[in-house]
Amino acid sequence: MNDSIFIKGLSLHAYHGVMAHEAKVGQTFTIDLELDIDLSDAARSDKVKDTVSYDQVANCASDAFCSQRFKLIEAAANSVAEAVLKTFPRVRSIAVTIHKPHAPIAATFSDVGVKLVRGRPKPKS
């Protein structure tokens, strides 16, 4: 099954980064989330209880991303993934992309960021 729920372009101001000014001033990051989830029950029932709420996922991701300062956005992305997987048992795996459009790079670029995918451990046979 290839069902998914996605949230794209979640903009959050945070203080992540290695540079001292990133910790002081912060910057706006953009987060994309894609949740691998079986939506069969929700498609049949038309009930929120059979899926996960976009609003609750966005709040969970925001809290995980903004609740502490990370030097690396890799660590911030992992924190988001772990929080979503812990909070929403229906989610089988999650892809988290963090865009850092104001990264301190001495070059012209349109985007920079990380993407990681995390899932639940496979059941042992």
Protein backbone atom coordinates (compact mmCIF):
# COMPACT_ATOMS: atom_id res chain seq x y z
CA MET A 1 0.00 0.00 0.00
CA ASN A 2 1.29 3.49 -0.82
CA ASP A 3 -1.00 5.73 1.23
CA SER A 4 0.42 8.87 2.75
CA ILE A 5 -0.44 12.07 4.51
CA PHE A 6 1.75 15.06 3.82
CA ILE A 7 2.33 18.54 5.15
CA LYS A 8 4.51 20.78 3.00
CA GLY A 9 5.93 24.18 3.75
CA LEU A 10 5.47 24.28 7.53
CA SER A 11 7.37 27.48 8.41
CA LEU A 12 8.92 27.66 11.86
CA HIS A 13 11.30 30.15 13.43
CA ALA A 14 14.02 28.44 15.46
CA TYR A 15 17.59 28.89 16.65
CA HIS A 16 19.34 25.92 15.10
CA GLY A 17 22.82 26.12 13.64
CA VAL A 18 26.50 25.97 14.42
CA MET A 19 27.16 29.71 14.14
CA ALA A 20 26.76 31.97 17.20
CA HIS A 21 24.45 34.41 15.39
CA GLU A 22 22.10 31.54 14.47
CA ALA A 23 21.61 30.86 18.18
CA LYS A 24 20.99 34.52 18.91
CA VAL A 25 18.82 35.71 16.02
CA GLY A 26 17.44 32.46 14.69
CA GLN A 27 15.88 32.01 11.28
CA THR A 28 12.84 30.62 9.55
CA PHE A 29 13.04 27.01 8.46
CA THR A 30 10.56 25.18 6.26
CA ILE A 31 9.61 21.59 7.00
CA ASP A 32 7.97 19.01 4.75
CA LEU A 33 6.52 15.85 6.28
CA GLU A 34 5.33 12.72 4.52
CA LEU A 35 3.75 10.04 6.67
CA ASP A 36 3.39 6.48 5.43
CA ILE A 37 0.07 5.33 6.83
CA ASP A 38 -2.65 2.90 5.84
CA LEU A 39 -5.67 5.09 5.05
CA SER A 40 -8.05 2.23 4.19
CA ASP A 41 -10.11 2.51 7.38
CA ALA A 42 -10.39 6.30 7.13
CA ALA A 43 -11.35 6.09 3.46
CA ARG A 44 -14.20 3.71 4.31
CA SER A 45 -15.41 5.28 7.56
CA ASP A 46 -14.90 8.99 6.85
CA LYS A 47 -13.94 9.39 10.54
CA VAL A 48 -10.95 11.22 11.97
CA LYS A 49 -10.45 8.45 14.55
CA ASP A 50 -9.30 6.19 11.70
CA THR A 51 -6.46 8.47 10.57
CA VAL A 52 -4.17 11.08 12.10
CA SER A 53 -5.05 14.76 12.34
CA TYR A 54 -2.95 17.12 10.21
CA ASP A 55 -3.29 19.70 12.96
CA GLN A 56 -1.98 17.33 15.64
CA VAL A 57 0.91 16.22 13.41
CA ALA A 58 1.85 19.86 12.70
CA ASN A 59 1.74 20.69 16.42
CA CYS A 60 3.81 17.63 17.32
CA ALA A 61 6.43 18.44 14.68
CA SER A 62 6.53 22.11 15.71
CA ASP A 63 7.01 21.24 19.37
CA ALA A 64 9.79 18.76 18.60
CA PHE A 65 11.53 21.20 16.25
CA CYS A 66 11.32 24.29 18.44
CA SER A 67 11.55 22.87 21.97
CA GLN A 68 15.34 22.74 22.01
CA ARG A 69 18.28 24.17 20.08
CA PHE A 70 20.13 21.88 17.70
CA LYS A 71 23.46 22.62 16.07
CA LEU A 72 22.61 20.32 13.17
CA ILE A 73 19.35 20.21 11.27
CA GLU A 74 19.99 16.48 10.93
CA ALA A 75 19.40 16.19 14.68
CA ALA A 76 16.36 18.46 14.51
CA ALA A 77 14.85 16.33 11.73
CA ASN A 78 15.47 13.18 13.73
CA SER A 79 13.74 14.73 16.76
CA VAL A 80 10.68 15.52 14.62
CA ALA A 81 10.59 12.00 13.16
CA GLU A 82 10.90 10.34 16.57
CA ALA A 83 8.18 12.55 18.09
CA VAL A 84 5.71 11.82 15.29
CA LEU A 85 6.36 8.07 15.41
CA LYS A 86 6.00 8.04 19.20
CA THR A 87 2.80 10.10 19.20
CA PHE A 88 0.97 8.49 16.27
CA PRO A 89 1.08 4.66 16.29
CA ARG A 90 -0.75 4.46 12.93
CA VAL A 91 2.23 6.08 11.17
CA ARG A 92 4.49 3.35 9.76
CA SER A 93 7.29 5.67 8.66
CA ILE A 94 7.94 9.35 8.12
CA ALA A 95 10.08 11.40 5.75
CA VAL A 96 11.18 14.73 7.21
CA THR A 97 12.72 17.38 4.97
CA ILE A 98 14.11 20.53 6.53
CA HIS A 99 14.89 23.46 4.28
CA LYS A 100 17.34 26.05 5.62
CA PRO A 101 17.00 28.88 3.09
CA HIS A 102 19.25 31.27 5.01
CA ALA A 103 22.10 28.89 5.69
CA PRO A 104 25.42 30.70 6.19
CA ILE A 105 26.98 29.64 2.90
CA ALA A 106 29.18 31.99 0.89
CA ALA A 107 27.42 31.11 -2.36
CA THR A 108 24.20 31.74 -4.19
CA PHE A 109 21.76 28.86 -3.82
CA SER A 110 18.04 28.29 -4.05
CA ASP A 111 17.72 25.74 -1.26
CA VAL A 112 19.73 23.70 1.19
CA GLY A 113 18.59 21.16 3.72
CA VAL A 114 18.31 17.56 4.79
CA LYS A 115 15.86 14.76 4.29
CA LEU A 116 15.68 11.70 6.47
CA VAL A 117 13.32 8.76 6.63
CA ARG A 118 12.56 6.90 9.84
CA GLY A 119 10.25 3.99 10.48
CA ARG A 120 9.18 1.54 13.05
CA PRO A 121 11.33 -1.56 13.59
CA LYS A 122 10.23 -4.52 11.51
CA PRO A 123 8.48 -7.22 13.53
CA LYS A 124 10.70 -10.23 14.18
CA SER A 125 9.69 -13.41 12.41
